[in-house]
Full PDB file with SEQRES, HELIX, SHEET, SSBOND, CRYST1, ORIGX, SCALE, CONECT and MASTER records, all heavy atoms in Angstrom:
SEQRES   1 A   33  ILE LEU VAL ILE GLY MET THR ASN ARG ARG ASP LEU ILE          
SEQRES   2 A   33  ASP GLU ALA LEU LEU ARG PRO GLY ARG PHE GLU VAL GLN          
SEQRES   3 A   33  VAL GLU ILE HIS LEU PRO ASP                                  
HELIX    1 AA1 ARG A   10  LEU A   12  5                                   3    
HELIX    2 AA2 GLU A   15  LEU A   18  5                                   4    
CRYST1    1.000    1.000    1.000  90.00  90.00  90.00 P 1           1          
ORIGX1      1.000000  0.000000  0.000000        0.00000                         
ORIGX2      0.000000  1.000000  0.000000        0.00000                         
ORIGX3      0.000000  0.000000  1.000000        0.00000                         
SCALE1      1.000000  0.000000  0.000000        0.00000                         
SCALE2      0.000000  1.000000  0.000000        0.00000                         
SCALE3      0.000000  0.000000  1.000000        0.00000                         
ATOM      1  N   ILE A   1      40.420 -32.049 -39.994  1.00  0.00           N  
ATOM      2  CA  ILE A   1      40.248 -30.646 -40.402  1.00  0.00           C  
ATOM      3  C   ILE A   1      40.473 -30.571 -41.931  1.00  0.00           C  
ATOM      4  O   ILE A   1      41.117 -31.379 -42.540  1.00  0.00           O  
ATOM      5  CB  ILE A   1      41.197 -29.661 -39.746  1.00  0.00           C  
ATOM      6  CG1 ILE A   1      42.697 -30.137 -40.016  1.00  0.00           C  
ATOM      7  CG2 ILE A   1      40.982 -29.585 -38.208  1.00  0.00           C  
ATOM      8  CD1 ILE A   1      43.699 -29.059 -39.691  1.00  0.00           C  
ATOM      9  N   LEU A   2      39.863 -29.532 -42.594  1.00  0.00           N  
ATOM     10  CA  LEU A   2      40.036 -29.261 -43.955  1.00  0.00           C  
ATOM     11  C   LEU A   2      40.023 -27.699 -43.983  1.00  0.00           C  
ATOM     12  O   LEU A   2      39.082 -27.081 -43.752  1.00  0.00           O  
ATOM     13  CB  LEU A   2      38.971 -29.824 -44.807  1.00  0.00           C  
ATOM     14  CG  LEU A   2      39.132 -29.498 -46.357  1.00  0.00           C  
ATOM     15  CD1 LEU A   2      40.399 -30.049 -46.851  1.00  0.00           C  
ATOM     16  CD2 LEU A   2      37.903 -29.960 -47.151  1.00  0.00           C  
ATOM     17  N   VAL A   3      41.262 -27.191 -44.378  1.00  0.00           N  
ATOM     18  CA  VAL A   3      41.366 -25.760 -44.428  1.00  0.00           C  
ATOM     19  C   VAL A   3      41.317 -25.342 -45.918  1.00  0.00           C  
ATOM     20  O   VAL A   3      42.134 -25.875 -46.774  1.00  0.00           O  
ATOM     21  CB  VAL A   3      42.735 -25.264 -43.851  1.00  0.00           C  
ATOM     22  CG1 VAL A   3      42.813 -23.690 -43.904  1.00  0.00           C  
ATOM     23  CG2 VAL A   3      42.836 -25.668 -42.356  1.00  0.00           C  
ATOM     24  N   ILE A   4      40.340 -24.486 -46.340  1.00  0.00           N  
ATOM     25  CA  ILE A   4      40.217 -24.094 -47.719  1.00  0.00           C  
ATOM     26  C   ILE A   4      40.565 -22.648 -47.814  1.00  0.00           C  
ATOM     27  O   ILE A   4      40.038 -21.746 -47.136  1.00  0.00           O  
ATOM     28  CB  ILE A   4      38.743 -24.317 -48.193  1.00  0.00           C  
ATOM     29  CG1 ILE A   4      38.365 -25.832 -48.007  1.00  0.00           C  
ATOM     30  CG2 ILE A   4      38.563 -23.794 -49.601  1.00  0.00           C  
ATOM     31  CD1 ILE A   4      36.877 -26.039 -48.360  1.00  0.00           C  
ATOM     32  N   GLY A   5      41.495 -22.330 -48.720  1.00  0.00           N  
ATOM     33  CA  GLY A   5      41.922 -20.896 -48.896  1.00  0.00           C  
ATOM     34  C   GLY A   5      41.464 -20.390 -50.283  1.00  0.00           C  
ATOM     35  O   GLY A   5      41.434 -21.208 -51.282  1.00  0.00           O  
ATOM     36  N   MET A   6      41.196 -19.194 -50.327  1.00  0.00           N  
ATOM     37  CA  MET A   6      40.711 -18.592 -51.597  1.00  0.00           C  
ATOM     38  C   MET A   6      41.679 -17.332 -51.835  1.00  0.00           C  
ATOM     39  O   MET A   6      41.929 -16.609 -50.920  1.00  0.00           O  
ATOM     40  CB  MET A   6      39.278 -18.017 -51.552  1.00  0.00           C  
ATOM     41  CG  MET A   6      38.298 -18.912 -50.869  1.00  0.00           C  
ATOM     42  SD  MET A   6      37.590 -20.135 -52.102  1.00  0.00           S  
ATOM     43  CE  MET A   6      36.594 -21.011 -51.086  1.00  0.00           C  
ATOM     44  N   THR A   7      42.115 -17.194 -53.068  1.00  0.00           N  
ATOM     45  CA  THR A   7      43.033 -16.068 -53.347  1.00  0.00           C  
ATOM     46  C   THR A   7      42.933 -15.767 -54.910  1.00  0.00           C  
ATOM     47  O   THR A   7      42.716 -16.576 -55.724  1.00  0.00           O  
ATOM     48  CB  THR A   7      44.448 -16.366 -52.949  1.00  0.00           C  
ATOM     49  OG1 THR A   7      45.292 -15.260 -53.249  1.00  0.00           O  
ATOM     50  CG2 THR A   7      44.989 -17.596 -53.653  1.00  0.00           C  
ATOM     51  N   ASN A   8      43.239 -14.533 -55.236  1.00  0.00           N  
ATOM     52  CA  ASN A   8      43.398 -14.103 -56.599  1.00  0.00           C  
ATOM     53  C   ASN A   8      44.907 -14.027 -56.939  1.00  0.00           C  
ATOM     54  O   ASN A   8      45.237 -13.992 -58.111  1.00  0.00           O  
ATOM     55  CB  ASN A   8      42.880 -12.693 -56.855  1.00  0.00           C  
ATOM     56  CG  ASN A   8      41.376 -12.623 -56.461  1.00  0.00           C  
ATOM     57  OD1 ASN A   8      40.719 -13.554 -56.667  1.00  0.00           O  
ATOM     58  ND2 ASN A   8      40.964 -11.472 -55.981  1.00  0.00           N  
ATOM     59  N   ARG A   9      45.759 -14.085 -55.886  1.00  0.00           N  
ATOM     60  CA  ARG A   9      47.263 -13.985 -56.165  1.00  0.00           C  
ATOM     61  C   ARG A   9      47.988 -15.062 -55.329  1.00  0.00           C  
ATOM     62  O   ARG A   9      48.497 -14.904 -54.304  1.00  0.00           O  
ATOM     63  CB  ARG A   9      47.718 -12.555 -55.599  1.00  0.00           C  
ATOM     64  CG  ARG A   9      47.184 -11.461 -56.422  1.00  0.00           C  
ATOM     65  CD  ARG A   9      47.737 -11.310 -57.843  1.00  0.00           C  
ATOM     66  NE  ARG A   9      49.232 -11.308 -57.851  1.00  0.00           N  
ATOM     67  CZ  ARG A   9      49.918 -10.198 -57.682  1.00  0.00           C  
ATOM     68  NH1 ARG A   9      49.315  -9.046 -57.522  1.00  0.00           N  
ATOM     69  NH2 ARG A   9      51.206 -10.242 -57.781  1.00  0.00           N  
ATOM     70  N   ARG A  10      48.006 -16.195 -55.960  1.00  0.00           N  
ATOM     71  CA  ARG A  10      48.779 -17.335 -55.345  1.00  0.00           C  
ATOM     72  C   ARG A  10      50.270 -17.012 -55.143  1.00  0.00           C  
ATOM     73  O   ARG A  10      50.887 -17.476 -54.180  1.00  0.00           O  
ATOM     74  CB  ARG A  10      48.651 -18.572 -56.133  1.00  0.00           C  
ATOM     75  CG  ARG A  10      49.323 -19.830 -55.649  1.00  0.00           C  
ATOM     76  CD  ARG A  10      49.053 -21.024 -56.521  1.00  0.00           C  
ATOM     77  NE  ARG A  10      49.689 -20.868 -57.778  1.00  0.00           N  
ATOM     78  CZ  ARG A  10      49.965 -21.876 -58.579  1.00  0.00           C  
ATOM     79  NH1 ARG A  10      49.778 -23.149 -58.212  1.00  0.00           N  
ATOM     80  NH2 ARG A  10      50.450 -21.627 -59.805  1.00  0.00           N  
ATOM     81  N   ASP A  11      50.793 -16.155 -56.021  1.00  0.00           N  
ATOM     82  CA  ASP A  11      52.285 -15.902 -55.974  1.00  0.00           C  
ATOM     83  C   ASP A  11      52.649 -15.144 -54.754  1.00  0.00           C  
ATOM     84  O   ASP A  11      53.843 -15.038 -54.406  1.00  0.00           O  
ATOM     85  CB  ASP A  11      52.650 -15.041 -57.251  1.00  0.00           C  
ATOM     86  CG  ASP A  11      51.797 -13.848 -57.385  1.00  0.00           C  
ATOM     87  OD1 ASP A  11      50.596 -13.925 -57.626  1.00  0.00           O  
ATOM     88  OD2 ASP A  11      52.324 -12.732 -57.222  1.00  0.00           O  
ATOM     89  N   LEU A  12      51.677 -14.504 -54.035  1.00  0.00           N  
ATOM     90  CA  LEU A  12      52.016 -13.732 -52.893  1.00  0.00           C  
ATOM     91  C   LEU A  12      52.085 -14.517 -51.592  1.00  0.00           C  
ATOM     92  O   LEU A  12      52.492 -14.080 -50.557  1.00  0.00           O  
ATOM     93  CB  LEU A  12      51.025 -12.501 -52.710  1.00  0.00           C  
ATOM     94  CG  LEU A  12      50.978 -11.508 -53.833  1.00  0.00           C  
ATOM     95  CD1 LEU A  12      49.842 -10.458 -53.425  1.00  0.00           C  
ATOM     96  CD2 LEU A  12      52.256 -10.767 -54.056  1.00  0.00           C  
ATOM     97  N   ILE A  13      51.600 -15.770 -51.671  1.00  0.00           N  
ATOM     98  CA  ILE A  13      51.341 -16.549 -50.481  1.00  0.00           C  
ATOM     99  C   ILE A  13      52.746 -17.230 -50.095  1.00  0.00           C  
ATOM    100  O   ILE A  13      53.491 -17.604 -50.911  1.00  0.00           O  
ATOM    101  CB  ILE A  13      50.289 -17.678 -50.670  1.00  0.00           C  
ATOM    102  CG1 ILE A  13      48.938 -16.910 -50.914  1.00  0.00           C  
ATOM    103  CG2 ILE A  13      50.185 -18.612 -49.398  1.00  0.00           C  
ATOM    104  CD1 ILE A  13      47.868 -17.883 -51.364  1.00  0.00           C  
ATOM    105  N   ASP A  14      52.928 -17.317 -48.757  1.00  0.00           N  
ATOM    106  CA  ASP A  14      54.279 -17.918 -48.263  1.00  0.00           C  
ATOM    107  C   ASP A  14      54.423 -19.380 -48.839  1.00  0.00           C  
ATOM    108  O   ASP A  14      53.407 -20.110 -48.832  1.00  0.00           O  
ATOM    109  CB  ASP A  14      54.248 -17.961 -46.747  1.00  0.00           C  
ATOM    110  CG  ASP A  14      55.555 -18.368 -46.211  1.00  0.00           C  
ATOM    111  OD1 ASP A  14      55.902 -19.549 -46.147  1.00  0.00           O  
ATOM    112  OD2 ASP A  14      56.382 -17.428 -45.819  1.00  0.00           O  
ATOM    113  N   GLU A  15      55.579 -19.639 -49.384  1.00  0.00           N  
ATOM    114  CA  GLU A  15      55.771 -20.901 -50.085  1.00  0.00           C  
ATOM    115  C   GLU A  15      55.648 -22.139 -49.127  1.00  0.00           C  
ATOM    116  O   GLU A  15      55.200 -23.180 -49.568  1.00  0.00           O  
ATOM    117  CB  GLU A  15      57.196 -20.992 -50.667  1.00  0.00           C  
ATOM    118  CG  GLU A  15      57.370 -19.930 -51.861  1.00  0.00           C  
ATOM    119  CD  GLU A  15      58.769 -19.992 -52.382  1.00  0.00           C  
ATOM    120  OE1 GLU A  15      59.645 -20.882 -51.877  1.00  0.00           O  
ATOM    121  OE2 GLU A  15      59.062 -19.324 -53.385  1.00  0.00           O  
ATOM    122  N   ALA A  16      55.881 -21.970 -47.845  1.00  0.00           N  
ATOM    123  CA  ALA A  16      55.742 -23.074 -46.917  1.00  0.00           C  
ATOM    124  C   ALA A  16      54.266 -23.512 -46.830  1.00  0.00           C  
ATOM    125  O   ALA A  16      54.068 -24.748 -46.488  1.00  0.00           O  
ATOM    126  CB  ALA A  16      56.271 -22.651 -45.523  1.00  0.00           C  
ATOM    127  N   LEU A  17      53.353 -22.669 -47.049  1.00  0.00           N  
ATOM    128  CA  LEU A  17      51.969 -23.057 -47.029  1.00  0.00           C  
ATOM    129  C   LEU A  17      51.500 -23.800 -48.142  1.00  0.00           C  
ATOM    130  O   LEU A  17      50.498 -24.463 -48.120  1.00  0.00           O  
ATOM    131  CB  LEU A  17      51.103 -21.781 -46.889  1.00  0.00           C  
ATOM    132  CG  LEU A  17      51.038 -21.094 -45.467  1.00  0.00           C  
ATOM    133  CD1 LEU A  17      50.303 -19.786 -45.649  1.00  0.00           C  
ATOM    134  CD2 LEU A  17      50.293 -22.028 -44.550  1.00  0.00           C  
ATOM    135  N   LEU A  18      52.339 -23.838 -49.238  1.00  0.00           N  
ATOM    136  CA  LEU A  18      51.922 -24.501 -50.453  1.00  0.00           C  
ATOM    137  C   LEU A  18      52.445 -25.916 -50.655  1.00  0.00           C  
ATOM    138  O   LEU A  18      52.160 -26.581 -51.644  1.00  0.00           O  
ATOM    139  CB  LEU A  18      52.340 -23.627 -51.683  1.00  0.00           C  
ATOM    140  CG  LEU A  18      51.791 -22.178 -51.661  1.00  0.00           C  
ATOM    141  CD1 LEU A  18      52.267 -21.447 -52.891  1.00  0.00           C  
ATOM    142  CD2 LEU A  18      50.212 -22.160 -51.664  1.00  0.00           C  
ATOM    143  N   ARG A  19      53.252 -26.312 -49.686  1.00  0.00           N  
ATOM    144  CA  ARG A  19      53.780 -27.692 -49.894  1.00  0.00           C  
ATOM    145  C   ARG A  19      52.866 -28.729 -49.410  1.00  0.00           C  
ATOM    146  O   ARG A  19      51.928 -28.473 -48.653  1.00  0.00           O  
ATOM    147  CB  ARG A  19      55.153 -27.749 -49.109  1.00  0.00           C  
ATOM    148  CG  ARG A  19      55.126 -27.841 -47.671  1.00  0.00           C  
ATOM    149  CD  ARG A  19      56.330 -28.475 -47.091  1.00  0.00           C  
ATOM    150  NE  ARG A  19      56.347 -28.577 -45.605  1.00  0.00           N  
ATOM    151  CZ  ARG A  19      55.727 -29.539 -44.957  1.00  0.00           C  
ATOM    152  NH1 ARG A  19      55.007 -30.439 -45.621  1.00  0.00           N  
ATOM    153  NH2 ARG A  19      55.858 -29.614 -43.629  1.00  0.00           N  
ATOM    154  N   PRO A  20      53.134 -30.054 -49.765  1.00  0.00           N  
ATOM    155  CA  PRO A  20      52.273 -31.117 -49.275  1.00  0.00           C  
ATOM    156  C   PRO A  20      52.150 -31.121 -47.722  1.00  0.00           C  
ATOM    157  O   PRO A  20      53.150 -30.969 -47.018  1.00  0.00           O  
ATOM    158  CB  PRO A  20      52.912 -32.384 -49.832  1.00  0.00           C  
ATOM    159  CG  PRO A  20      53.699 -31.918 -51.024  1.00  0.00           C  
ATOM    160  CD  PRO A  20      54.067 -30.544 -50.714  1.00  0.00           C  
ATOM    161  N   GLY A  21      50.941 -31.412 -47.272  1.00  0.00           N  
ATOM    162  CA  GLY A  21      50.699 -31.340 -45.822  1.00  0.00           C  
ATOM    163  C   GLY A  21      49.979 -30.090 -45.399  1.00  0.00           C  
ATOM    164  O   GLY A  21      49.361 -30.041 -44.343  1.00  0.00           O  
ATOM    165  N   ARG A  22      50.122 -29.113 -46.200  1.00  0.00           N  
ATOM    166  CA  ARG A  22      49.370 -27.799 -45.968  1.00  0.00           C  
ATOM    167  C   ARG A  22      48.372 -27.632 -47.096  1.00  0.00           C  
ATOM    168  O   ARG A  22      47.462 -28.407 -47.211  1.00  0.00           O  
ATOM    169  CB  ARG A  22      50.302 -26.615 -45.868  1.00  0.00           C  
ATOM    170  CG  ARG A  22      51.129 -26.574 -44.545  1.00  0.00           C  
ATOM    171  CD  ARG A  22      52.387 -27.348 -44.522  1.00  0.00           C  
ATOM    172  NE  ARG A  22      53.072 -27.315 -43.248  1.00  0.00           N  
ATOM    173  CZ  ARG A  22      54.363 -26.900 -43.123  1.00  0.00           C  
ATOM    174  NH1 ARG A  22      55.002 -26.406 -44.121  1.00  0.00           N  
ATOM    175  NH2 ARG A  22      54.962 -27.006 -41.923  1.00  0.00           N  
ATOM    176  N   PHE A  23      48.553 -26.611 -47.870  1.00  0.00           N  
ATOM    177  CA  PHE A  23      47.546 -26.414 -48.981  1.00  0.00           C  
ATOM    178  C   PHE A  23      48.076 -27.233 -50.169  1.00  0.00           C  
ATOM    179  O   PHE A  23      48.480 -26.628 -51.213  1.00  0.00           O  
ATOM    180  CB  PHE A  23      47.407 -24.889 -49.359  1.00  0.00           C  
ATOM    181  CG  PHE A  23      46.712 -24.118 -48.291  1.00  0.00           C  
ATOM    182  CD1 PHE A  23      47.426 -23.223 -47.462  1.00  0.00           C  
ATOM    183  CD2 PHE A  23      45.402 -24.204 -48.189  1.00  0.00           C  
ATOM    184  CE1 PHE A  23      46.763 -22.538 -46.584  1.00  0.00           C  
ATOM    185  CE2 PHE A  23      44.671 -23.420 -47.232  1.00  0.00           C  
ATOM    186  CZ  PHE A  23      45.336 -22.598 -46.332  1.00  0.00           C  
ATOM    187  N   GLU A  24      48.004 -28.541 -50.104  1.00  0.00           N  
ATOM    188  CA  GLU A  24      48.607 -29.296 -51.110  1.00  0.00           C  
ATOM    189  C   GLU A  24      47.743 -29.486 -52.324  1.00  0.00           C  
ATOM    190  O   GLU A  24      48.229 -29.737 -53.403  1.00  0.00           O  
ATOM    191  CB  GLU A  24      48.917 -30.748 -50.519  1.00  0.00           C  
ATOM    192  CG  GLU A  24      47.756 -31.499 -49.982  1.00  0.00           C  
ATOM    193  CD  GLU A  24      48.167 -32.750 -49.396  1.00  0.00           C  
ATOM    194  OE1 GLU A  24      48.466 -33.744 -50.048  1.00  0.00           O  
ATOM    195  OE2 GLU A  24      48.258 -32.915 -48.135  1.00  0.00           O  
ATOM    196  N   VAL A  25      46.417 -29.378 -52.182  1.00  0.00           N  
ATOM    197  CA  VAL A  25      45.524 -29.435 -53.335  1.00  0.00           C  
ATOM    198  C   VAL A  25      45.311 -28.032 -53.800  1.00  0.00           C  
ATOM    199  O   VAL A  25      44.719 -27.198 -53.096  1.00  0.00           O  
ATOM    200  CB  VAL A  25      44.170 -30.099 -52.991  1.00  0.00           C  
ATOM    201  CG1 VAL A  25      43.220 -30.087 -54.188  1.00  0.00           C  
ATOM    202  CG2 VAL A  25      44.425 -31.563 -52.482  1.00  0.00           C  
ATOM    203  N   GLN A  26      45.770 -27.707 -54.911  1.00  0.00           N  
ATOM    204  CA  GLN A  26      45.690 -26.327 -55.479  1.00  0.00           C  
ATOM    205  C   GLN A  26      44.973 -26.439 -56.872  1.00  0.00           C  
ATOM    206  O   GLN A  26      45.383 -27.063 -57.833  1.00  0.00           O  
ATOM    207  CB  GLN A  26      47.048 -25.716 -55.690  1.00  0.00           C  
ATOM    208  CG  GLN A  26      47.833 -25.590 -54.381  1.00  0.00           C  
ATOM    209  CD  GLN A  26      49.238 -25.217 -54.601  1.00  0.00           C  
ATOM    210  OE1 GLN A  26      49.615 -24.489 -55.539  1.00  0.00           O  
ATOM    211  NE2 GLN A  26      50.112 -25.539 -53.627  1.00  0.00           N  
ATOM    212  N   VAL A  27      43.748 -25.796 -56.845  1.00  0.00           N  
ATOM    213  CA  VAL A  27      42.915 -25.882 -58.037  1.00  0.00           C  
ATOM    214  C   VAL A  27      42.705 -24.540 -58.639  1.00  0.00           C  
ATOM    215  O   VAL A  27      42.223 -23.584 -57.831  1.00  0.00           O  
ATOM    216  CB  VAL A  27      41.570 -26.509 -57.673  1.00  0.00           C  
ATOM    217  CG1 VAL A  27      40.680 -26.582 -58.888  1.00  0.00           C  
ATOM    218  CG2 VAL A  27      41.730 -27.895 -57.111  1.00  0.00           C  
ATOM    219  N   GLU A  28      43.032 -24.319 -59.838  1.00  0.00           N  
ATOM    220  CA  GLU A  28      42.752 -22.988 -60.466  1.00  0.00           C  
ATOM    221  C   GLU A  28      41.325 -22.982 -60.950  1.00  0.00           C  
ATOM    222  O   GLU A  28      40.873 -23.839 -61.682  1.00  0.00           O  
ATOM    223  CB  GLU A  28      43.722 -22.841 -61.684  1.00  0.00           C  
ATOM    224  CG  GLU A  28      43.569 -21.426 -62.284  1.00  0.00           C  
ATOM    225  CD  GLU A  28      44.599 -21.184 -63.362  1.00  0.00           C  
ATOM    226  OE1 GLU A  28      45.375 -22.025 -63.672  1.00  0.00           O  
ATOM    227  OE2 GLU A  28      44.584 -20.070 -63.945  1.00  0.00           O  
ATOM    228  N   ILE A  29      40.644 -21.949 -60.601  1.00  0.00           N  
ATOM    229  CA  ILE A  29      39.299 -21.724 -60.987  1.00  0.00           C  
ATOM    230  C   ILE A  29      39.289 -20.769 -62.274  1.00  0.00           C  
ATOM    231  O   ILE A  29      39.553 -19.565 -62.067  1.00  0.00           O  
ATOM    232  CB  ILE A  29      38.390 -21.096 -59.925  1.00  0.00           C  
ATOM    233  CG1 ILE A  29      38.537 -21.973 -58.652  1.00  0.00           C  
ATOM    234  CG2 ILE A  29      36.968 -21.064 -60.343  1.00  0.00           C  
ATOM    235  CD1 ILE A  29      38.069 -23.419 -58.815  1.00  0.00           C  
ATOM    236  N   HIS A  30      39.170 -21.368 -63.361  1.00  0.00           N  
ATOM    237  CA  HIS A  30      39.280 -20.628 -64.627  1.00  0.00           C  
ATOM    238  C   HIS A  30      38.031 -19.716 -64.953  1.00  0.00           C  
ATOM    239  O   HIS A  30      36.986 -19.908 -64.319  1.00  0.00           O  
ATOM    240  CB  HIS A  30      39.505 -21.548 -65.838  1.00  0.00           C  
ATOM    241  CG  HIS A  30      40.675 -22.411 -65.737  1.00  0.00           C  
ATOM    242  ND1 HIS A  30      41.934 -21.903 -66.133  1.00  0.00           N  
ATOM    243  CD2 HIS A  30      40.894 -23.716 -65.425  1.00  0.00           C  
ATOM    244  CE1 HIS A  30      42.771 -22.928 -65.980  1.00  0.00           C  
ATOM    245  NE2 HIS A  30      42.205 -24.023 -65.551  1.00  0.00           N  
ATOM    246  N   LEU A  31      38.314 -18.807 -65.848  1.00  0.00           N  
ATOM    247  CA  LEU A  31      37.098 -18.139 -66.424  1.00  0.00           C  
ATOM    248  C   LEU A  31      36.339 -19.248 -67.207  1.00  0.00           C  
ATOM    249  O   LEU A  31      36.915 -20.150 -67.837  1.00  0.00           O  
ATOM    250  CB  LEU A  31      37.546 -17.101 -67.444  1.00  0.00           C  
ATOM    251  CG  LEU A  31      38.266 -15.846 -66.826  1.00  0.00           C  
ATOM    252  CD1 LEU A  31      38.853 -14.966 -67.922  1.00  0.00           C  
ATOM    253  CD2 LEU A  31      37.256 -15.066 -66.019  1.00  0.00           C  
ATOM    254  N   PRO A  32      34.978 -19.198 -67.079  1.00  0.00           N  
ATOM    255  CA  PRO A  32      34.192 -20.282 -67.755  1.00  0.00           C  
ATOM    256  C   PRO A  32      34.297 -20.299 -69.254  1.00  0.00           C  
ATOM    257  O   PRO A  32      34.400 -19.164 -69.874  1.00  0.00           O  
ATOM    258  CB  PRO A  32      32.806 -19.981 -67.269  1.00  0.00           C  
ATOM    259  CG  PRO A  32      32.770 -18.530 -67.001  1.00  0.00           C  
ATOM    260  CD  PRO A  32      34.155 -18.249 -66.494  1.00  0.00           C  
ATOM    261  N   ASP A  33      34.277 -21.403 -69.932  1.00  0.00           N  
ATOM    262  CA  ASP A  33      34.192 -21.540 -71.349  1.00  0.00           C  
ATOM    263  C   ASP A  33      32.729 -21.344 -71.825  1.00  0.00           C  
ATOM    264  O   ASP A  33      31.953 -21.068 -71.005  1.00  0.00           O  
ATOM    265  CB  ASP A  33      34.821 -22.875 -71.791  1.00  0.00           C  
ATOM    266  CG  ASP A  33      34.119 -24.055 -71.215  1.00  0.00           C  
ATOM    267  OD1 ASP A  33      32.987 -23.907 -70.608  1.00  0.00           O  
ATOM    268  OD2 ASP A  33      34.649 -25.244 -71.330  1.00  0.00           O  
TER     269      ASP A  33                                                      
MASTER        0    0    0    2    0    0    0    6  268    1    0    3          
END                                                                             
């Protein structure tokens, strides 16, 4: 499985979901240069 999450507010998400084993790869999608 691969679960992909999209959000504008990472600070609101439960911290347990952000640790390794869950949403461990966190990539910020910047405004384009």
